[in-house]
C-alpha atoms as a PDB file:
ATOM      1  CA  UNK A   1     -24.012  -5.213 -35.612  1.00  0.00           C
ATOM      2  CA  UNK A   2     -20.252  -5.069 -36.089  1.00  0.00           C
ATOM      3  CA  UNK A   3     -17.820  -7.012 -33.943  1.00  0.00           C
ATOM      4  CA  UNK A   4     -16.597  -3.795 -32.340  1.00  0.00           C
ATOM      5  CA  UNK A   5     -20.142  -2.759 -31.376  1.00  0.00           C
ATOM      6  CA  UNK A   6     -20.804  -6.234 -29.979  1.00  0.00           C
ATOM      7  CA  UNK A   7     -17.690  -5.991 -27.809  1.00  0.00           C
ATOM      8  CA  UNK A   8     -18.680  -2.559 -26.579  1.00  0.00           C
ATOM      9  CA  UNK A   9     -22.201  -3.768 -25.750  1.00  0.00           C
ATOM     10  CA  UNK A  10     -20.795  -6.788 -23.910  1.00  0.00           C
ATOM     11  CA  UNK A  11     -18.495  -4.537 -21.909  1.00  0.00           C
ATOM     12  CA  UNK A  12     -21.370  -2.233 -20.996  1.00  0.00           C
ATOM     13  CA  UNK A  13     -23.577  -5.143 -19.935  1.00  0.00           C
ATOM     14  CA  UNK A  14     -20.773  -6.602 -17.807  1.00  0.00           C
ATOM     15  CA  UNK A  15     -19.892  -3.279 -16.223  1.00  0.00           C
ATOM     16  CA  UNK A  16     -23.464  -2.069 -15.551  1.00  0.00           C
ATOM     17  CA  UNK A  17     -24.200  -4.266 -12.458  1.00  0.00           C
ATOM     18  CA  UNK A  18     -20.882  -3.250 -10.894  1.00  0.00           C
ATOM     19  CA  UNK A  19     -21.500   0.437 -11.665  1.00  0.00           C
ATOM     20  CA  UNK A  20     -25.014   0.257 -10.197  1.00  0.00           C
ATOM     21  CA  UNK A  21     -23.664  -1.466  -7.077  1.00  0.00           C
ATOM     22  CA  UNK A  22     -21.012   1.242  -6.612  1.00  0.00           C
ATOM     23  CA  UNK A  23     -23.381   4.146  -7.246  1.00  0.00           C
ATOM     24  CA  UNK A  24     -26.518   2.935  -5.436  1.00  0.00           C
ATOM     25  CA  UNK A  25     -24.977   1.161  -2.454  1.00  0.00           C
ATOM     26  CA  UNK A  26     -21.766   3.121  -1.856  1.00  0.00           C
ATOM     27  CA  UNK A  27     -21.647   6.564  -3.463  1.00  0.00           C
ATOM     28  CA  UNK A  28     -25.223   7.738  -2.917  1.00  0.00           C
ATOM     29  CA  UNK A  29     -25.454   6.565   0.743  1.00  0.00           C
ATOM     30  CA  UNK A  30     -22.093   8.193   1.518  1.00  0.00           C
ATOM     31  CA  UNK A  31     -23.139  11.443  -0.151  1.00  0.00           C
ATOM     32  CA  UNK A  32     -26.380  11.411   1.813  1.00  0.00           C
ATOM     33  CA  UNK A  33     -24.538  10.728   5.080  1.00  0.00           C
ATOM     34  CA  UNK A  34     -22.039  13.468   4.280  1.00  0.00           C
ATOM     35  CA  UNK A  35     -24.796  16.019   3.737  1.00  0.00           C
ATOM     36  CA  UNK A  36     -26.558  14.833   6.896  1.00  0.00           C
ATOM     37  CA  UNK A  37     -23.379  15.184   8.959  1.00  0.00           C
ATOM     38  CA  UNK A  38     -23.113  18.866   7.983  1.00  0.00           C
ATOM     39  CA  UNK A  39     -26.593  19.747   9.256  1.00  0.00           C
ATOM     40  CA  UNK A  40     -26.688  21.693  12.531  1.00  0.00           C
ATOM     41  CA  UNK A  41     -29.927  21.678  14.473  1.00  0.00           C
ATOM     42  CA  UNK A  42     -30.632  25.236  15.622  1.00  0.00           C
ATOM     43  CA  UNK A  43     -34.309  24.750  16.520  1.00  0.00           C
ATOM     44  CA  UNK A  44     -36.989  22.058  16.179  1.00  0.00           C
ATOM     45  CA  UNK A  45     -37.024  21.082  12.507  1.00  0.00           C
ATOM     46  CA  UNK A  46     -34.689  23.937  11.647  1.00  0.00           C
ATOM     47  CA  UNK A  47     -31.187  23.232  10.386  1.00  0.00           C
ATOM     48  CA  UNK A  48     -28.246  25.052   8.906  1.00  0.00           C
ATOM     49  CA  UNK A  49     -25.035  23.777   7.387  1.00  0.00           C
ATOM     50  CA  UNK A  50     -21.908  23.753   9.520  1.00  0.00           C
ATOM     51  CA  UNK A  51     -19.284  21.626  11.244  1.00  0.00           C
ATOM     52  CA  UNK A  52     -20.785  21.606  14.736  1.00  0.00           C
ATOM     53  CA  UNK A  53     -21.241  17.817  14.737  1.00  0.00           C
ATOM     54  CA  UNK A  54     -17.539  17.328  13.995  1.00  0.00           C
ATOM     55  CA  UNK A  55     -16.520  19.946  16.553  1.00  0.00           C
ATOM     56  CA  UNK A  56     -18.596  18.100  19.161  1.00  0.00           C
ATOM     57  CA  UNK A  57     -16.386  15.034  18.699  1.00  0.00           C
ATOM     58  CA  UNK A  58     -13.189  16.955  19.468  1.00  0.00           C
ATOM     59  CA  UNK A  59     -14.725  18.857  22.374  1.00  0.00           C
ATOM     60  CA  UNK A  60     -15.711  15.665  24.209  1.00  0.00           C
ATOM     61  CA  UNK A  61     -12.638  13.720  25.398  1.00  0.00           C
ATOM     62  CA  UNK A  62     -14.718  10.577  25.872  1.00  0.00           C
ATOM     63  CA  UNK A  63     -15.373  10.372  22.124  1.00  0.00           C
ATOM     64  CA  UNK A  64     -11.790  10.560  20.893  1.00  0.00           C
ATOM     65  CA  UNK A  65     -10.702   8.371  23.805  1.00  0.00           C
ATOM     66  CA  UNK A  66     -13.094   5.661  22.576  1.00  0.00           C
ATOM     67  CA  UNK A  67     -11.874   6.206  18.995  1.00  0.00           C
ATOM     68  CA  UNK A  68      -8.235   5.784  20.063  1.00  0.00           C
ATOM     69  CA  UNK A  69      -9.102   2.724  22.133  1.00  0.00           C
ATOM     70  CA  UNK A  70     -10.917   1.170  19.170  1.00  0.00           C
ATOM     71  CA  UNK A  71      -7.887   1.800  16.958  1.00  0.00           C
ATOM     72  CA  UNK A  72      -5.446   0.245  19.447  1.00  0.00           C
ATOM     73  CA  UNK A  73      -7.651  -2.811  19.958  1.00  0.00           C
ATOM     74  CA  UNK A  74      -8.105  -3.181  16.188  1.00  0.00           C
ATOM     75  CA  UNK A  75      -4.343  -3.023  15.651  1.00  0.00           C
ATOM     76  CA  UNK A  76      -3.874  -5.674  18.354  1.00  0.00           C
ATOM     77  CA  UNK A  77      -6.442  -7.947  16.689  1.00  0.00           C
ATOM     78  CA  UNK A  78      -4.705  -7.406  13.342  1.00  0.00           C
ATOM     79  CA  UNK A  79      -1.302  -8.301  14.817  1.00  0.00           C
ATOM     80  CA  UNK A  80      -2.663 -11.444  16.494  1.00  0.00           C
ATOM     81  CA  UNK A  81      -4.457 -12.498  13.298  1.00  0.00           C
ATOM     82  CA  UNK A  82      -1.173 -12.083  11.401  1.00  0.00           C
ATOM     83  CA  UNK A  83       0.832 -14.063  13.983  1.00  0.00           C
ATOM     84  CA  UNK A  84      -1.678 -16.917  13.966  1.00  0.00           C
ATOM     85  CA  UNK A  85      -2.541 -16.779  10.266  1.00  0.00           C
ATOM     86  CA  UNK A  86       0.943 -16.543   8.732  1.00  0.00           C
ATOM     87  CA  UNK A  87       2.072 -20.093   9.673  1.00  0.00           C
ATOM     88  CA  UNK A  88      -1.281 -21.461   8.532  1.00  0.00           C
ATOM     89  CA  UNK A  89      -1.038 -19.624   5.207  1.00  0.00           C
ATOM     90  CA  UNK A  90       2.543 -20.782   4.659  1.00  0.00           C
ATOM     91  CA  UNK A  91       1.588 -24.387   5.366  1.00  0.00           C
ATOM     92  CA  UNK A  92      -1.357 -24.197   2.964  1.00  0.00           C
ATOM     93  CA  UNK A  93       0.665 -22.520   0.199  1.00  0.00           C
ATOM     94  CA  UNK A  94       3.980 -24.373   0.363  1.00  0.00           C
ATOM     95  CA  UNK A  95       3.651 -27.608   2.364  1.00  0.00           C
ATOM     96  CA  UNK A  96       0.126 -29.030   2.297  1.00  0.00           C
ATOM     97  CA  UNK A  97      -1.031 -31.314  -0.493  1.00  0.00           C
ATOM     98  CA  UNK A  98      -4.153 -30.604  -2.560  1.00  0.00           C
ATOM     99  CA  UNK A  99      -6.514 -32.521  -0.257  1.00  0.00           C
ATOM    100  CA  UNK A 100      -5.080 -31.066   2.930  1.00  0.00           C
ATOM    101  CA  UNK A 101      -5.155 -27.583   1.412  1.00  0.00           C
ATOM    102  CA  UNK A 102      -8.835 -27.901   0.584  1.00  0.00           C
ATOM    103  CA  UNK A 103      -9.643 -29.256   4.058  1.00  0.00           C
ATOM    104  CA  UNK A 104      -7.781 -26.416   5.770  1.00  0.00           C
ATOM    105  CA  UNK A 105      -9.531 -23.802   3.659  1.00  0.00           C
ATOM    106  CA  UNK A 106     -12.844 -25.420   4.597  1.00  0.00           C
ATOM    107  CA  UNK A 107     -11.986 -25.188   8.292  1.00  0.00           C
ATOM    108  CA  UNK A 108     -11.140 -21.521   7.804  1.00  0.00           C
ATOM    109  CA  UNK A 109     -14.474 -20.966   6.048  1.00  0.00           C
ATOM    110  CA  UNK A 110     -16.582 -22.621   8.750  1.00  0.00           C
ATOM    111  CA  UNK A 111     -16.863 -19.461  10.922  1.00  0.00           C
ATOM    112  CA  UNK A 112     -18.356 -17.600   7.957  1.00  0.00           C
ATOM    113  CA  UNK A 113     -21.096 -20.170   7.455  1.00  0.00           C
ATOM    114  CA  UNK A 114     -23.037 -18.594  10.302  1.00  0.00           C
ATOM    115  CA  UNK A 115     -23.799 -14.980  11.180  1.00  0.00           C
ATOM    116  CA  UNK A 116     -21.863 -12.769  13.592  1.00  0.00           C
ATOM    117  CA  UNK A 117     -24.660 -13.214  16.106  1.00  0.00           C
ATOM    118  CA  UNK A 118     -24.382 -17.020  16.122  1.00  0.00           C
ATOM    119  CA  UNK A 119     -20.577 -16.870  16.379  1.00  0.00           C
ATOM    120  CA  UNK A 120     -20.779 -14.477  19.314  1.00  0.00           C
ATOM    121  CA  UNK A 121     -23.310 -16.651  21.140  1.00  0.00           C
ATOM    122  CA  UNK A 122     -21.043 -19.636  20.555  1.00  0.00           C
ATOM    123  CA  UNK A 123     -18.254 -17.852  22.428  1.00  0.00           C
ATOM    124  CA  UNK A 124     -20.727 -16.859  25.142  1.00  0.00           C
ATOM    125  CA  UNK A 125     -21.575 -20.536  25.683  1.00  0.00           C
ATOM    126  CA  UNK A 126     -17.876 -21.283  26.052  1.00  0.00           C
ATOM    127  CA  UNK A 127     -16.772 -18.342  28.197  1.00  0.00           C
ATOM    128  CA  UNK A 128     -19.638 -17.554  30.555  1.00  0.00           C
ATOM    129  CA  UNK A 129     -19.406 -18.601  34.197  1.00  0.00           C
ATOM    130  CA  UNK A 130     -21.750 -21.539  33.596  1.00  0.00           C
ATOM    131  CA  UNK A 131     -20.133 -22.342  30.264  1.00  0.00           C
ATOM    132  CA  UNK A 132     -18.032 -25.189  28.965  1.00  0.00           C
ATOM    133  CA  UNK A 133     -14.590 -23.848  29.918  1.00  0.00           C
ATOM    134  CA  UNK A 134     -15.649 -22.844  33.413  1.00  0.00           C
ATOM    135  CA  UNK A 135     -17.198 -26.294  33.922  1.00  0.00           C
ATOM    136  CA  UNK A 136     -14.005 -28.034  32.774  1.00  0.00           C
ATOM    137  CA  UNK A 137     -11.862 -25.921  35.102  1.00  0.00           C
ATOM    138  CA  UNK A 138     -14.071 -26.788  38.055  1.00  0.00           C
ATOM    139  CA  UNK A 139     -14.221 -30.462  37.105  1.00  0.00           C
ATOM    140  CA  UNK A 140     -10.422 -30.684  36.864  1.00  0.00           C
ATOM    141  CA  UNK A 141      -9.958 -28.929  40.195  1.00  0.00           C
ATOM    142  CA  UNK A 142      -8.182 -25.908  38.674  1.00  0.00           C
ATOM    143  CA  UNK A 143     -10.958 -23.583  39.862  1.00  0.00           C
ATOM    144  CA  UNK A 144     -12.881 -23.650  43.125  1.00  0.00           C
ATOM    145  CA  UNK A 145     -15.973 -21.989  41.667  1.00  0.00           C
ATOM    146  CA  UNK A 146     -17.472 -20.611  38.461  1.00  0.00           C
ATOM    147  CA  UNK A 147     -15.063 -18.551  36.356  1.00  0.00           C
ATOM    148  CA  UNK A 148     -16.469 -15.631  34.361  1.00  0.00           C
ATOM    149  CA  UNK A 149     -14.432 -15.041  31.197  1.00  0.00           C
ATOM    150  CA  UNK A 150     -16.867 -12.765  29.422  1.00  0.00           C
ATOM    151  CA  UNK A 151     -17.264  -8.992  29.414  1.00  0.00           C
ATOM    152  CA  UNK A 152     -13.609  -8.040  29.156  1.00  0.00           C
ATOM    153  CA  UNK A 153     -11.166  -7.008  26.444  1.00  0.00           C
ATOM    154  CA  UNK A 154      -9.640 -10.484  26.174  1.00  0.00           C
ATOM    155  CA  UNK A 155     -13.002 -12.031  25.244  1.00  0.00           C
ATOM    156  CA  UNK A 156     -13.588  -9.341  22.615  1.00  0.00           C
ATOM    157  CA  UNK A 157     -10.127  -9.845  21.101  1.00  0.00           C
ATOM    158  CA  UNK A 158     -10.522 -13.627  20.951  1.00  0.00           C
ATOM    159  CA  UNK A 159     -13.923 -13.328  19.292  1.00  0.00           C
ATOM    160  CA  UNK A 160     -12.692 -10.800  16.735  1.00  0.00           C
ATOM    161  CA  UNK A 161      -9.549 -12.765  15.850  1.00  0.00           C
ATOM    162  CA  UNK A 162     -11.692 -15.859  15.318  1.00  0.00           C
ATOM    163  CA  UNK A 163     -14.027 -13.871  13.061  1.00  0.00           C
ATOM    164  CA  UNK A 164     -11.437 -12.187  10.817  1.00  0.00           C
ATOM    165  CA  UNK A 165      -8.841 -14.959  10.576  1.00  0.00           C
ATOM    166  CA  UNK A 166      -9.881 -16.041   7.069  1.00  0.00           C
ATOM    167  CA  UNK A 167      -9.420 -12.511   5.715  1.00  0.00           C
ATOM    168  CA  UNK A 168      -5.788 -12.647   6.802  1.00  0.00           C
ATOM    169  CA  UNK A 169      -5.065 -16.178   5.588  1.00  0.00           C
ATOM    170  CA  UNK A 170      -6.435 -15.822   2.038  1.00  0.00           C
ATOM    171  CA  UNK A 171      -4.245 -12.869   0.894  1.00  0.00           C
ATOM    172  CA  UNK A 172      -1.189 -14.427   2.537  1.00  0.00           C
ATOM    173  CA  UNK A 173      -1.798 -17.771   0.856  1.00  0.00           C
ATOM    174  CA  UNK A 174      -2.355 -16.129  -2.524  1.00  0.00           C
ATOM    175  CA  UNK A 175       0.930 -14.221  -2.244  1.00  0.00           C
ATOM    176  CA  UNK A 176       3.020 -17.095  -0.884  1.00  0.00           C
ATOM    177  CA  UNK A 177       1.833 -19.459  -3.640  1.00  0.00           C
ATOM    178  CA  UNK A 178       3.725 -17.315  -6.139  1.00  0.00           C
ATOM    179  CA  UNK A 179       7.046 -17.658  -4.304  1.00  0.00           C
ATOM    180  CA  UNK A 180       9.524 -20.004  -5.986  1.00  0.00           C
ATOM    181  CA  UNK A 181      10.774 -22.731  -3.638  1.00  0.00           C
ATOM    182  CA  UNK A 182      14.236 -22.198  -5.115  1.00  0.00           C
ATOM    183  CA  UNK A 183      14.423 -18.858  -3.293  1.00  0.00           C
ATOM    184  CA  UNK A 184      14.119 -20.593   0.080  1.00  0.00           C
ATOM    185  CA  UNK A 185      16.585 -23.300  -0.928  1.00  0.00           C
ATOM    186  CA  UNK A 186      19.079 -20.663  -2.068  1.00  0.00           C
ATOM    187  CA  UNK A 187      18.784 -18.961   1.310  1.00  0.00           C
ATOM    188  CA  UNK A 188      19.716 -22.175   3.109  1.00  0.00           C
ATOM    189  CA  UNK A 189      22.505 -22.949   0.626  1.00  0.00           C
ATOM    190  CA  UNK A 190      24.044 -19.545   1.322  1.00  0.00           C
ATOM    191  CA  UNK A 191      24.338 -20.403   5.016  1.00  0.00           C
ATOM    192  CA  UNK A 192      21.160 -18.876   6.351  1.00  0.00           C
ATOM    193  CA  UNK A 193      19.212 -20.496   9.177  1.00  0.00           C
ATOM    194  CA  UNK A 194      15.447 -20.751   9.418  1.00  0.00           C
ATOM    195  CA  UNK A 195      15.003 -17.383  11.084  1.00  0.00           C
ATOM    196  CA  UNK A 196      17.270 -15.635   8.571  1.00  0.00           C
ATOM    197  CA  UNK A 197      15.422 -17.161   5.598  1.00  0.00           C
ATOM    198  CA  UNK A 198      12.115 -16.114   7.148  1.00  0.00           C
ATOM    199  CA  UNK A 199      13.314 -12.553   7.802  1.00  0.00           C
ATOM    200  CA  UNK A 200      15.266 -11.944   4.585  1.00  0.00           C
ATOM    201  CA  UNK A 201      13.295 -13.926   1.997  1.00  0.00           C
ATOM    202  CA  UNK A 202       9.837 -15.122   3.020  1.00  0.00           C
ATOM    203  CA  UNK A 203       8.525 -12.051   4.859  1.00  0.00           C
ATOM    204  CA  UNK A 204       9.729  -9.505   2.229  1.00  0.00           C
ATOM    205  CA  UNK A 205       8.147 -11.599  -0.519  1.00  0.00           C
ATOM    206  CA  UNK A 206       4.910 -11.982   1.477  1.00  0.00           C
ATOM    207  CA  UNK A 207       4.740  -8.259   2.365  1.00  0.00           C
ATOM    208  CA  UNK A 208       1.983  -7.414  -0.177  1.00  0.00           C
ATOM    209  CA  UNK A 209      -0.162 -10.207   1.297  1.00  0.00           C
ATOM    210  CA  UNK A 210       0.653  -9.084   4.837  1.00  0.00           C
ATOM    211  CA  UNK A 211      -0.325  -5.493   4.069  1.00  0.00           C
ATOM    212  CA  UNK A 212      -3.452  -6.517   2.149  1.00  0.00           C
ATOM    213  CA  UNK A 213      -4.640  -8.882   4.884  1.00  0.00           C
ATOM    214  CA  UNK A 214      -3.839  -6.345   7.598  1.00  0.00           C
ATOM    215  CA  UNK A 215      -5.853  -3.633   5.840  1.00  0.00           C
ATOM    216  CA  UNK A 216      -8.898  -5.894   5.473  1.00  0.00           C
ATOM    217  CA  UNK A 217      -8.690  -7.202   9.043  1.00  0.00           C
ATOM    218  CA  UNK A 218      -8.146  -3.744  10.554  1.00  0.00           C
ATOM    219  CA  UNK A 219     -11.079  -2.191   8.689  1.00  0.00           C
ATOM    220  CA  UNK A 220     -13.402  -5.082   9.534  1.00  0.00           C
ATOM    221  CA  UNK A 221     -12.379  -5.034  13.183  1.00  0.00           C
ATOM    222  CA  UNK A 222     -12.698  -1.270  13.625  1.00  0.00           C
ATOM    223  CA  UNK A 223     -16.168  -1.395  12.046  1.00  0.00           C
ATOM    224  CA  UNK A 224     -17.359  -4.399  14.051  1.00  0.00           C
ATOM    225  CA  UNK A 225     -20.389  -3.960  16.289  1.00  0.00           C
ATOM    226  CA  UNK A 226     -22.002  -7.209  17.421  1.00  0.00           C
ATOM    227  CA  UNK A 227     -18.900  -8.985  18.725  1.00  0.00           C
ATOM    228  CA  UNK A 228     -17.701  -6.135  20.993  1.00  0.00           C
ATOM    229  CA  UNK A 229     -21.215  -5.556  22.316  1.00  0.00           C
ATOM    230  CA  UNK A 230     -22.024  -9.198  23.066  1.00  0.00           C
ATOM    231  CA  UNK A 231     -18.629 -10.338  24.349  1.00  0.00           C
ATOM    232  CA  UNK A 232     -17.560  -7.077  25.973  1.00  0.00           C
ATOM    233  CA  UNK A 233     -20.876  -6.036  27.467  1.00  0.00           C
ATOM    234  CA  UNK A 234     -21.234  -2.589  28.990  1.00  0.00           C
ATOM    235  CA  UNK A 235     -17.507  -2.496  29.724  1.00  0.00           C
ATOM    236  CA  UNK A 236     -16.591  -2.627  26.028  1.00  0.00           C
ATOM    237  CA  UNK A 237     -16.056   0.873  24.665  1.00  0.00           C
ATOM    238  CA  UNK A 238     -16.127   0.461  20.890  1.00  0.00           C
ATOM    239  CA  UNK A 239     -16.650   3.432  18.607  1.00  0.00           C
ATOM    240  CA  UNK A 240     -19.337   1.682  16.590  1.00  0.00           C
ATOM    241  CA  UNK A 241     -21.371   1.515  19.807  1.00  0.00           C
ATOM    242  CA  UNK A 242     -21.057   5.290  20.095  1.00  0.00           C
ATOM    243  CA  UNK A 243     -22.326   5.670  16.530  1.00  0.00           C
ATOM    244  CA  UNK A 244     -25.219   3.304  17.279  1.00  0.00           C
ATOM    245  CA  UNK A 245     -26.131   5.302  20.382  1.00  0.00           C
ATOM    246  CA  UNK A 246     -26.222   8.518  18.375  1.00  0.00           C
ATOM    247  CA  UNK A 247     -28.485   7.028  15.715  1.00  0.00           C
ATOM    248  CA  UNK A 248     -30.799   4.821  17.766  1.00  0.00           C
ATOM    249  CA  UNK A 249     -30.669   5.828  21.426  1.00  0.00           C
ATOM    250  CA  UNK A 250     -30.384   9.603  21.069  1.00  0.00           C
ATOM    251  CA  UNK A 251     -31.976   9.752  17.626  1.00  0.00           C
ATOM    252  CA  UNK A 252     -29.277  12.248  16.662  1.00  0.00           C
ATOM    253  CA  UNK A 253     -28.686  11.239  13.072  1.00  0.00           C
ATOM    254  CA  UNK A 254     -26.560  14.282  12.321  1.00  0.00           C
ATOM    255  CA  UNK A 255     -23.956  13.417  14.978  1.00  0.00           C
ATOM    256  CA  UNK A 256     -24.159   9.731  14.107  1.00  0.00           C
ATOM    257  CA  UNK A 257     -23.386  10.498  10.459  1.00  0.00           C
ATOM    258  CA  UNK A 258     -20.486  12.752  11.464  1.00  0.00           C
ATOM    259  CA  UNK A 259     -19.059  10.107  13.794  1.00  0.00           C
ATOM    260  CA  UNK A 260     -19.365   7.509  11.049  1.00  0.00           C
ATOM    261  CA  UNK A 261     -17.336   9.669   8.680  1.00  0.00           C
ATOM    262  CA  UNK A 262     -14.779  10.344  11.402  1.00  0.00           C
ATOM    263  CA  UNK A 263     -14.336   6.606  11.872  1.00  0.00           C
ATOM    264  CA  UNK A 264     -13.896   6.199   8.107  1.00  0.00           C
ATOM    265  CA  UNK A 265     -11.360   9.047   7.948  1.00  0.00           C
ATOM    266  CA  UNK A 266      -9.430   7.770  10.946  1.00  0.00           C
ATOM    267  CA  UNK A 267      -9.188   4.169   9.753  1.00  0.00           C
ATOM    268  CA  UNK A 268      -8.217   5.364   6.265  1.00  0.00           C
ATOM    269  CA  UNK A 269      -5.461   7.475   7.852  1.00  0.00           C
ATOM    270  CA  UNK A 270      -4.156   4.445   9.753  1.00  0.00           C
ATOM    271  CA  UNK A 271      -4.157   2.391   6.536  1.00  0.00           C
ATOM    272  CA  UNK A 272      -2.287   5.174   4.698  1.00  0.00           C
ATOM    273  CA  UNK A 273       0.319   5.362   7.459  1.00  0.00           C
ATOM    274  CA  UNK A 274       0.699   1.577   7.343  1.00  0.00           C
ATOM    275  CA  UNK A 275       1.331   1.681   3.592  1.00  0.00           C
ATOM    276  CA  UNK A 276       3.911   4.437   4.008  1.00  0.00           C
ATOM    277  CA  UNK A 277       5.735   2.655   6.836  1.00  0.00           C
ATOM    278  CA  UNK A 278       5.928  -0.624   4.900  1.00  0.00           C
ATOM    279  CA  UNK A 279       6.889   1.034   1.628  1.00  0.00           C
ATOM    280  CA  UNK A 280       3.931  -0.532  -0.169  1.00  0.00           C
ATOM    281  CA  UNK A 281       1.372   1.013  -2.479  1.00  0.00           C
ATOM    282  CA  UNK A 282      -2.284   0.064  -2.498  1.00  0.00           C
ATOM    283  CA  UNK A 283      -2.174  -0.773  -6.218  1.00  0.00           C
ATOM    284  CA  UNK A 284       0.773  -3.158  -5.994  1.00  0.00           C
ATOM    285  CA  UNK A 285      -0.561  -4.708  -2.805  1.00  0.00           C
ATOM    286  CA  UNK A 286      -3.916  -5.546  -4.353  1.00  0.00           C
ATOM    287  CA  UNK A 287      -2.298  -6.761  -7.601  1.00  0.00           C
ATOM    288  CA  UNK A 288      -0.002  -9.287  -5.882  1.00  0.00           C
ATOM    289  CA  UNK A 289      -2.404 -10.560  -3.199  1.00  0.00           C
END
């Protein structure tokens, strides 16, 4: 076997697992769901192809209201994750020493060591009316009785921000590590204050990491199911709950598949608009983060 053939065989062997993963776990399921979403039930066990399942979404205001609410809440979670995660990422990338950097990354990884279910139940133990925070408020005299902090939008947002924080910090840290410290020093030497250096130098340089982290966090948040259900209860209107109800409660797989694709299209549209507004491209964003 020649050296060229050996290289080609090595490339094929390396690429095959990735190709199988893409085809079997992404392309084929999406094709199947797409076909399923175009099936209209006209009689028991009788179907024809059409767009009735998609039309149903636009004819019911409650559906697109829940979709819009999910998008707004996901954008809020993304903004909060960015506000909290940016200082942490900057400290890890430019200030912390090697040991501190490793310790901080470990702390960021801790939430991912357990499942979404365990994380949600941890917040339930803290926020319920017989939980830790309510007990501390009563013990300190700040509350006369039990305080229920669950089953509202604030609890859902806190739980989601806690869950997705790492996915914002890692791209930001990766981008900020490539920034030369001389750029910041030059900003101060030219008479800029801290806010000016942040606005004119650090944030523009970190923009690919900001966009990359925001895309990941937004997509994960919009597609979240367990956290909104457990922390928001019946008052939490999340679009993934609507999809679940179509599949499991109503056993309407055709509408569930259509709603799933609508969520994918809508979140992709939001990501595209975000890239256009920030002047970034997906290729450059991924390459620098």
